[in-house]
PDB file of N, CA and C in Angstrom:
ATOM      1  N   MET A   1       5.522  17.727 -13.896  1.00  0.00           N
ATOM      2  CA  MET A   1       4.245  17.917 -13.258  1.00  0.00           C
ATOM      3  C   MET A   1       4.032  19.418 -13.073  1.00  0.00           C
ATOM      4  N   ARG A   2       2.896  19.908 -13.444  1.00  0.00           N
ATOM      5  CA  ARG A   2       2.595  21.316 -13.245  1.00  0.00           C
ATOM      6  C   ARG A   2       1.188  21.426 -12.692  1.00  0.00           C
ATOM      7  N   LYS A   3       1.049  22.201 -11.643  1.00  0.00           N
ATOM      8  CA  LYS A   3      -0.274  22.453 -11.084  1.00  0.00           C
ATOM      9  C   LYS A   3      -0.546  23.940 -11.211  1.00  0.00           C
ATOM     10  N   GLN A   4      -1.773  24.284 -11.481  1.00  0.00           N
ATOM     11  CA  GLN A   4      -2.117  25.685 -11.602  1.00  0.00           C
ATOM     12  C   GLN A   4      -3.264  26.015 -10.671  1.00  0.00           C
ATOM     13  N   HIS A   5      -3.277  27.257 -10.227  1.00  0.00           N
ATOM     14  CA  HIS A   5      -4.296  27.711  -9.292  1.00  0.00           C
ATOM     15  C   HIS A   5      -4.884  29.011  -9.806  1.00  0.00           C
ATOM     16  N   LYS A   6      -6.175  29.142  -9.738  1.00  0.00           N
ATOM     17  CA  LYS A   6      -6.839  30.378 -10.131  1.00  0.00           C
ATOM     18  C   LYS A   6      -7.860  30.723  -9.059  1.00  0.00           C
ATOM     19  N   GLU A   7      -7.692  31.879  -8.439  1.00  0.00           N
ATOM     20  CA  GLU A   7      -8.655  32.328  -7.442  1.00  0.00           C
ATOM     21  C   GLU A   7      -9.920  32.799  -8.148  1.00  0.00           C
ATOM     22  N   LEU A   8     -11.047  32.726  -7.467  1.00  0.00           N
ATOM     23  CA  LEU A   8     -12.293  33.234  -8.026  1.00  0.00           C
ATOM     24  C   LEU A   8     -12.123  34.690  -8.429  1.00  0.00           C
ATOM     25  N   ARG A   9     -12.835  35.135  -9.380  1.00  0.00           N
ATOM     26  CA  ARG A   9     -12.784  36.481  -9.946  1.00  0.00           C
ATOM     27  C   ARG A   9     -11.526  36.695 -10.780  1.00  0.00           C
ATOM     28  N   GLY A  10     -10.672  35.689 -10.954  1.00  0.00           N
ATOM     29  CA  GLY A  10      -9.506  35.811 -11.822  1.00  0.00           C
ATOM     30  C   GLY A  10      -8.439  36.760 -11.317  1.00  0.00           C
ATOM     31  N   LEU A  11      -8.383  37.013 -10.019  1.00  0.00           N
ATOM     32  CA  LEU A  11      -7.431  37.979  -9.501  1.00  0.00           C
ATOM     33  C   LEU A  11      -6.046  37.398  -9.263  1.00  0.00           C
ATOM     34  N   PHE A  12      -5.931  36.089  -9.128  1.00  0.00           N
ATOM     35  CA  PHE A  12      -4.635  35.491  -8.832  1.00  0.00           C
ATOM     36  C   PHE A  12      -4.401  34.275  -9.706  1.00  0.00           C
ATOM     37  N   TRP A  13      -3.271  34.241 -10.370  1.00  0.00           N
ATOM     38  CA  TRP A  13      -2.891  33.104 -11.212  1.00  0.00           C
ATOM     39  C   TRP A  13      -1.513  32.630 -10.775  1.00  0.00           C
ATOM     40  N   ALA A  14      -1.274  31.336 -10.846  1.00  0.00           N
ATOM     41  CA  ALA A  14       0.049  30.814 -10.516  1.00  0.00           C
ATOM     42  C   ALA A  14       0.247  29.466 -11.180  1.00  0.00           C
ATOM     43  N   ALA A  15       1.495  29.127 -11.428  1.00  0.00           N
ATOM     44  CA  ALA A  15       1.850  27.802 -11.932  1.00  0.00           C
ATOM     45  C   ALA A  15       2.957  27.266 -11.031  1.00  0.00           C
ATOM     46  N   LEU A  16       2.932  25.987 -10.737  1.00  0.00           N
ATOM     47  CA  LEU A  16       3.982  25.341  -9.966  1.00  0.00           C
ATOM     48  C   LEU A  16       4.641  24.290 -10.835  1.00  0.00           C
ATOM     49  N   PHE A  17       5.958  24.239 -10.795  1.00  0.00           N
ATOM     50  CA  PHE A  17       6.713  23.290 -11.597  1.00  0.00           C
ATOM     51  C   PHE A  17       7.457  22.349 -10.665  1.00  0.00           C
ATOM     52  N   CYS A  18       7.336  21.061 -10.881  1.00  0.00           N
ATOM     53  CA  CYS A  18       8.022  20.042 -10.097  1.00  0.00           C
ATOM     54  C   CYS A  18       9.237  19.591 -10.902  1.00  0.00           C
ATOM     55  N   LEU A  19      10.438  19.802 -10.354  1.00  0.00           N
ATOM     56  CA  LEU A  19      11.666  19.516 -11.090  1.00  0.00           C
ATOM     57  C   LEU A  19      12.429  18.375 -10.429  1.00  0.00           C
ATOM     58  N   THR A  20      12.960  17.472 -11.233  1.00  0.00           N
ATOM     59  CA  THR A  20      13.778  16.364 -10.751  1.00  0.00           C
ATOM     60  C   THR A  20      15.090  16.365 -11.523  1.00  0.00           C
ATOM     61  N   ALA A  21      16.202  16.181 -10.816  1.00  0.00           N
ATOM     62  CA  ALA A  21      17.508  16.217 -11.478  1.00  0.00           C
ATOM     63  C   ALA A  21      18.397  15.072 -11.015  1.00  0.00           C
ATOM     64  N   LEU A  22      17.855  13.883 -10.847  1.00  0.00           N
ATOM     65  CA  LEU A  22      18.629  12.753 -10.338  1.00  0.00           C
ATOM     66  C   LEU A  22      19.877  12.444 -11.161  1.00  0.00           C
ATOM     67  N   PRO A  23      19.823  12.326 -12.494  1.00  0.00           N
ATOM     68  CA  PRO A  23      21.048  11.996 -13.229  1.00  0.00           C
ATOM     69  C   PRO A  23      22.159  13.017 -13.008  1.00  0.00           C
ATOM     70  N   VAL A  24      21.803  14.277 -12.897  1.00  0.00           N
ATOM     71  CA  VAL A  24      22.810  15.316 -12.669  1.00  0.00           C
ATOM     72  C   VAL A  24      23.378  15.193 -11.265  1.00  0.00           C
ATOM     73  N   PHE A  25      22.537  15.011 -10.249  1.00  0.00           N
ATOM     74  CA  PHE A  25      23.009  14.875  -8.876  1.00  0.00           C
ATOM     75  C   PHE A  25      23.898  13.651  -8.711  1.00  0.00           C
ATOM     76  N   ALA A  26      23.566  12.563  -9.366  1.00  0.00           N
ATOM     77  CA  ALA A  26      24.353  11.337  -9.253  1.00  0.00           C
ATOM     78  C   ALA A  26      25.763  11.539  -9.798  1.00  0.00           C
ATOM     79  N   GLN A  27      25.893  12.338 -10.859  1.00  0.00           N
ATOM     80  CA  GLN A  27      27.198  12.570 -11.475  1.00  0.00           C
ATOM     81  C   GLN A  27      27.983  13.672 -10.771  1.00  0.00           C
ATOM     82  N   GLN A  28      27.292  14.690 -10.251  1.00  0.00           N
ATOM     83  CA  GLN A  28      27.960  15.845  -9.649  1.00  0.00           C
ATOM     84  C   GLN A  28      27.244  16.224  -8.350  1.00  0.00           C
ATOM     85  N   PRO A  29      27.442  15.474  -7.273  1.00  0.00           N
ATOM     86  CA  PRO A  29      26.649  15.697  -6.060  1.00  0.00           C
ATOM     87  C   PRO A  29      26.899  17.025  -5.356  1.00  0.00           C
ATOM     88  N   ASP A  30      28.042  17.679  -5.575  1.00  0.00           N
ATOM     89  CA  ASP A  30      28.351  18.938  -4.884  1.00  0.00           C
ATOM     90  C   ASP A  30      28.247  20.147  -5.809  1.00  0.00           C
ATOM     91  N   THR A  31      27.379  20.096  -6.771  1.00  0.00           N
ATOM     92  CA  THR A  31      27.256  21.161  -7.760  1.00  0.00           C
ATOM     93  C   THR A  31      26.070  22.062  -7.444  1.00  0.00           C
ATOM     94  N   LEU A  32      26.259  23.370  -7.628  1.00  0.00           N
ATOM     95  CA  LEU A  32      25.154  24.323  -7.512  1.00  0.00           C
ATOM     96  C   LEU A  32      24.462  24.424  -8.859  1.00  0.00           C
ATOM     97  N   PHE A  33      23.161  24.665  -8.838  1.00  0.00           N
ATOM     98  CA  PHE A  33      22.386  24.722 -10.067  1.00  0.00           C
ATOM     99  C   PHE A  33      21.646  26.035 -10.173  1.00  0.00           C
ATOM    100  N   SER A  34      21.440  26.475 -11.386  1.00  0.00           N
ATOM    101  CA  SER A  34      20.533  27.596 -11.620  1.00  0.00           C
ATOM    102  C   SER A  34      19.384  27.057 -12.468  1.00  0.00           C
ATOM    103  N   LEU A  35      18.207  27.575 -12.237  1.00  0.00           N
ATOM    104  CA  LEU A  35      17.017  27.102 -12.935  1.00  0.00           C
ATOM    105  C   LEU A  35      16.527  28.148 -13.908  1.00  0.00           C
ATOM    106  N   LYS A  36      16.057  27.696 -15.040  1.00  0.00           N
ATOM    107  CA  LYS A  36      15.451  28.575 -16.031  1.00  0.00           C
ATOM    108  C   LYS A  36      14.025  28.084 -16.247  1.00  0.00           C
ATOM    109  N   SER A  37      13.118  29.002 -16.379  1.00  0.00           N
ATOM    110  CA  SER A  37      11.722  28.638 -16.567  1.00  0.00           C
ATOM    111  C   SER A  37      11.556  27.735 -17.783  1.00  0.00           C
ATOM    112  N   PRO A  38      10.783  26.657 -17.659  1.00  0.00           N
ATOM    113  CA  PRO A  38      10.511  25.811 -18.822  1.00  0.00           C
ATOM    114  C   PRO A  38       9.609  26.513 -19.833  1.00  0.00           C
ATOM    115  N   LEU A  39       8.992  27.606 -19.411  1.00  0.00           N
ATOM    116  CA  LEU A  39       8.154  28.412 -20.303  1.00  0.00           C
ATOM    117  C   LEU A  39       8.776  29.791 -20.424  1.00  0.00           C
ATOM    118  N   GLU A  40       8.879  30.298 -21.624  1.00  0.00           N
ATOM    119  CA  GLU A  40       9.421  31.641 -21.818  1.00  0.00           C
ATOM    120  C   GLU A  40       8.298  32.654 -21.657  1.00  0.00           C
ATOM    121  N   VAL A  41       7.916  32.917 -20.401  1.00  0.00           N
ATOM    122  CA  VAL A  41       6.843  33.858 -20.108  1.00  0.00           C
ATOM    123  C   VAL A  41       7.458  35.100 -19.486  1.00  0.00           C
ATOM    124  N   ARG A  42       7.447  36.195 -20.228  1.00  0.00           N
ATOM    125  CA  ARG A  42       8.004  37.443 -19.730  1.00  0.00           C
ATOM    126  C   ARG A  42       7.193  37.907 -18.522  1.00  0.00           C
ATOM    127  N   PHE A  43       7.879  38.310 -17.469  1.00  0.00           N
ATOM    128  CA  PHE A  43       7.272  38.759 -16.216  1.00  0.00           C
ATOM    129  C   PHE A  43       6.470  37.654 -15.526  1.00  0.00           C
ATOM    130  N   GLY A  44       6.776  36.407 -15.776  1.00  0.00           N
ATOM    131  CA  GLY A  44       6.053  35.307 -15.151  1.00  0.00           C
ATOM    132  C   GLY A  44       6.436  35.057 -13.705  1.00  0.00           C
ATOM    133  N   ASN A  45       7.526  35.701 -13.242  1.00  0.00           N
ATOM    134  CA  ASN A  45       8.013  35.544 -11.865  1.00  0.00           C
ATOM    135  C   ASN A  45       8.394  34.108 -11.538  1.00  0.00           C
ATOM    136  N   PHE A  46       8.960  33.395 -12.505  1.00  0.00           N
ATOM    137  CA  PHE A  46       9.454  32.045 -12.240  1.00  0.00           C
ATOM    138  C   PHE A  46      10.503  32.117 -11.140  1.00  0.00           C
ATOM    139  N   GLY A  47      10.359  31.295 -10.122  1.00  0.00           N
ATOM    140  CA  GLY A  47      11.308  31.272  -9.017  1.00  0.00           C
ATOM    141  C   GLY A  47      10.940  32.203  -7.880  1.00  0.00           C
ATOM    142  N   VAL A  48       9.774  32.837  -7.962  1.00  0.00           N
ATOM    143  CA  VAL A  48       9.356  33.747  -6.889  1.00  0.00           C
ATOM    144  C   VAL A  48       9.253  32.990  -5.570  1.00  0.00           C
ATOM    145  N   SER A  49       8.988  31.712  -5.632  1.00  0.00           N
ATOM    146  CA  SER A  49       9.004  30.859  -4.443  1.00  0.00           C
ATOM    147  C   SER A  49       9.582  29.503  -4.828  1.00  0.00           C
ATOM    148  N   VAL A  50      10.403  28.968  -3.937  1.00  0.00           N
ATOM    149  CA  VAL A  50      11.034  27.661  -4.155  1.00  0.00           C
ATOM    150  C   VAL A  50      10.931  26.890  -2.841  1.00  0.00           C
ATOM    151  N   SER A  51      10.578  25.616  -2.931  1.00  0.00           N
ATOM    152  CA  SER A  51      10.429  24.822  -1.713  1.00  0.00           C
ATOM    153  C   SER A  51      10.707  23.349  -1.997  1.00  0.00           C
ATOM    154  N   ASP A  52      11.213  22.662  -0.975  1.00  0.00           N
ATOM    155  CA  ASP A  52      11.292  21.207  -1.104  1.00  0.00           C
ATOM    156  C   ASP A  52       9.880  20.673  -0.895  1.00  0.00           C
ATOM    157  N   ALA A  53       9.590  19.557  -1.505  1.00  0.00           N
ATOM    158  CA  ALA A  53       8.211  19.077  -1.481  1.00  0.00           C
ATOM    159  C   ALA A  53       8.089  17.592  -1.192  1.00  0.00           C
ATOM    160  N   GLY A  54       9.170  16.974  -0.786  1.00  0.00           N
ATOM    161  CA  GLY A  54       9.103  15.526  -0.625  1.00  0.00           C
ATOM    162  C   GLY A  54       9.068  14.870  -1.994  1.00  0.00           C
ATOM    163  N   ASP A  55       8.462  13.726  -2.089  1.00  0.00           N
ATOM    164  CA  ASP A  55       8.402  12.989  -3.354  1.00  0.00           C
ATOM    165  C   ASP A  55       7.024  13.183  -3.994  1.00  0.00           C
ATOM    166  N   VAL A  56       6.844  14.288  -4.672  1.00  0.00           N
ATOM    167  CA  VAL A  56       5.544  14.653  -5.246  1.00  0.00           C
ATOM    168  C   VAL A  56       5.086  13.673  -6.315  1.00  0.00           C
ATOM    169  N   ASN A  57       5.982  13.287  -7.217  1.00  0.00           N
ATOM    170  CA  ASN A  57       5.577  12.431  -8.337  1.00  0.00           C
ATOM    171  C   ASN A  57       5.821  10.940  -8.076  1.00  0.00           C
ATOM    172  N   MET A  58       6.106  10.583  -6.819  1.00  0.00           N
ATOM    173  CA  MET A  58       6.216   9.188  -6.385  1.00  0.00           C
ATOM    174  C   MET A  58       7.250   8.373  -7.162  1.00  0.00           C
ATOM    175  N   ASP A  59       8.402   9.002  -7.509  1.00  0.00           N
ATOM    176  CA  ASP A  59       9.448   8.268  -8.212  1.00  0.00           C
ATOM    177  C   ASP A  59      10.608   7.883  -7.293  1.00  0.00           C
ATOM    178  N   GLY A  60      10.459   8.130  -5.981  1.00  0.00           N
ATOM    179  CA  GLY A  60      11.493   7.780  -5.029  1.00  0.00           C
ATOM    180  C   GLY A  60      12.558   8.843  -4.849  1.00  0.00           C
ATOM    181  N   ILE A  61      12.401   9.993  -5.479  1.00  0.00           N
ATOM    182  CA  ILE A  61      13.378  11.078  -5.423  1.00  0.00           C
ATOM    183  C   ILE A  61      12.685  12.325  -4.877  1.00  0.00           C
ATOM    184  N   ALA A  62      13.334  13.009  -3.935  1.00  0.00           N
ATOM    185  CA  ALA A  62      12.767  14.251  -3.401  1.00  0.00           C
ATOM    186  C   ALA A  62      12.702  15.299  -4.511  1.00  0.00           C
ATOM    187  N   ASP A  63      11.603  16.035  -4.560  1.00  0.00           N
ATOM    188  CA  ASP A  63      11.374  17.020  -5.612  1.00  0.00           C
ATOM    189  C   ASP A  63      11.445  18.443  -5.068  1.00  0.00           C
ATOM    190  N   VAL A  64      11.625  19.387  -5.965  1.00  0.00           N
ATOM    191  CA  VAL A  64      11.640  20.813  -5.653  1.00  0.00           C
ATOM    192  C   VAL A  64      10.477  21.450  -6.399  1.00  0.00           C
ATOM    193  N   ILE A  65       9.732  22.293  -5.705  1.00  0.00           N
ATOM    194  CA  ILE A  65       8.623  23.012  -6.319  1.00  0.00           C
ATOM    195  C   ILE A  65       9.072  24.448  -6.560  1.00  0.00           C
ATOM    196  N   VAL A  66       8.886  24.930  -7.785  1.00  0.00           N
ATOM    197  CA  VAL A  66       9.253  26.298  -8.153  1.00  0.00           C
ATOM    198  C   VAL A  66       7.995  27.014  -8.613  1.00  0.00           C
ATOM    199  N   GLY A  67       7.705  28.156  -8.007  1.00  0.00           N
ATOM    200  CA  GLY A  67       6.505  28.908  -8.351  1.00  0.00           C
ATOM    201  C   GLY A  67       6.736  29.906  -9.474  1.00  0.00           C
ATOM    202  N   ALA A  68       5.695  30.147 -10.245  1.00  0.00           N
ATOM    203  CA  ALA A  68       5.684  31.180 -11.289  1.00  0.00           C
ATOM    204  C   ALA A  68       4.369  31.941 -11.115  1.00  0.00           C
ATOM    205  N   MET A  69       4.410  32.992 -10.335  1.00  0.00           N
ATOM    206  CA  MET A  69       3.208  33.640  -9.839  1.00  0.00           C
ATOM    207  C   MET A  69       2.303  34.244 -10.906  1.00  0.00           C
ATOM    208  N   GLU A  70       2.842  34.714 -11.997  1.00  0.00           N
ATOM    209  CA  GLU A  70       2.029  35.418 -12.988  1.00  0.00           C
ATOM    210  C   GLU A  70       1.812  34.621 -14.276  1.00  0.00           C
ATOM    211  N   VAL A  71       1.838  33.283 -14.217  1.00  0.00           N
ATOM    212  CA  VAL A  71       1.622  32.454 -15.398  1.00  0.00           C
ATOM    213  C   VAL A  71       0.218  31.872 -15.334  1.00  0.00           C
ATOM    214  N   ASP A  72      -0.541  32.021 -16.405  1.00  0.00           N
ATOM    215  CA  ASP A  72      -1.919  31.528 -16.391  1.00  0.00           C
ATOM    216  C   ASP A  72      -2.024  30.152 -17.040  1.00  0.00           C
ATOM    217  N   SER A  73      -3.226  29.648 -17.171  1.00  0.00           N
ATOM    218  CA  SER A  73      -3.429  28.297 -17.691  1.00  0.00           C
ATOM    219  C   SER A  73      -3.056  28.157 -19.160  1.00  0.00           C
ATOM    220  N   ASN A  74      -2.856  29.263 -19.860  1.00  0.00           N
ATOM    221  CA  ASN A  74      -2.411  29.229 -21.256  1.00  0.00           C
ATOM    222  C   ASN A  74      -0.914  29.467 -21.365  1.00  0.00           C
ATOM    223  N   ASN A  75      -0.203  29.401 -20.229  1.00  0.00           N
ATOM    224  CA  ASN A  75       1.241  29.625 -20.172  1.00  0.00           C
ATOM    225  C   ASN A  75       1.620  31.002 -20.685  1.00  0.00           C
ATOM    226  N   SER A  76       0.827  32.002 -20.365  1.00  0.00           N
ATOM    227  CA  SER A  76       1.139  33.366 -20.762  1.00  0.00           C
ATOM    228  C   SER A  76       1.019  34.283 -19.557  1.00  0.00           C
ATOM    229  N   PHE A  77       1.602  35.472 -19.672  1.00  0.00           N
ATOM    230  CA  PHE A  77       1.599  36.441 -18.582  1.00  0.00           C
ATOM    231  C   PHE A  77       0.184  36.887 -18.271  1.00  0.00           C
ATOM    232  N   ARG A  78      -0.145  36.888 -16.997  1.00  0.00           N
ATOM    233  CA  ARG A  78      -1.469  37.330 -16.566  1.00  0.00           C
ATOM    234  C   ARG A  78      -1.266  38.249 -15.364  1.00  0.00           C
ATOM    235  N   PRO A  79      -1.326  39.572 -15.538  1.00  0.00           N
ATOM    236  CA  PRO A  79      -1.092  40.475 -14.406  1.00  0.00           C
ATOM    237  C   PRO A  79      -2.144  40.298 -13.324  1.00  0.00           C
ATOM    238  N   ALA A  80      -1.716  40.469 -12.090  1.00  0.00           N
ATOM    239  CA  ALA A  80      -2.637  40.317 -10.952  1.00  0.00           C
ATOM    240  C   ALA A  80      -3.586  41.493 -10.861  1.00  0.00           C
TER     241      ALA A  80
END
């Protein structure tokens, strides 16, 4: 799931990524994870904000929201 936001006048762009890792957690519950952007956008600021979000996609599993502040609707870098 990805949601995008664009402020009027095009001054602010952002993409949010909803990540689920149930099979991994079930096999290795005490493991630390590192995340890599699903889009290879240079200077996209993937991970600039991370938050728990409850069950966003209604699959019964708590989700994590990861922000990518400089990614536009075409999945490319968009400077502020």
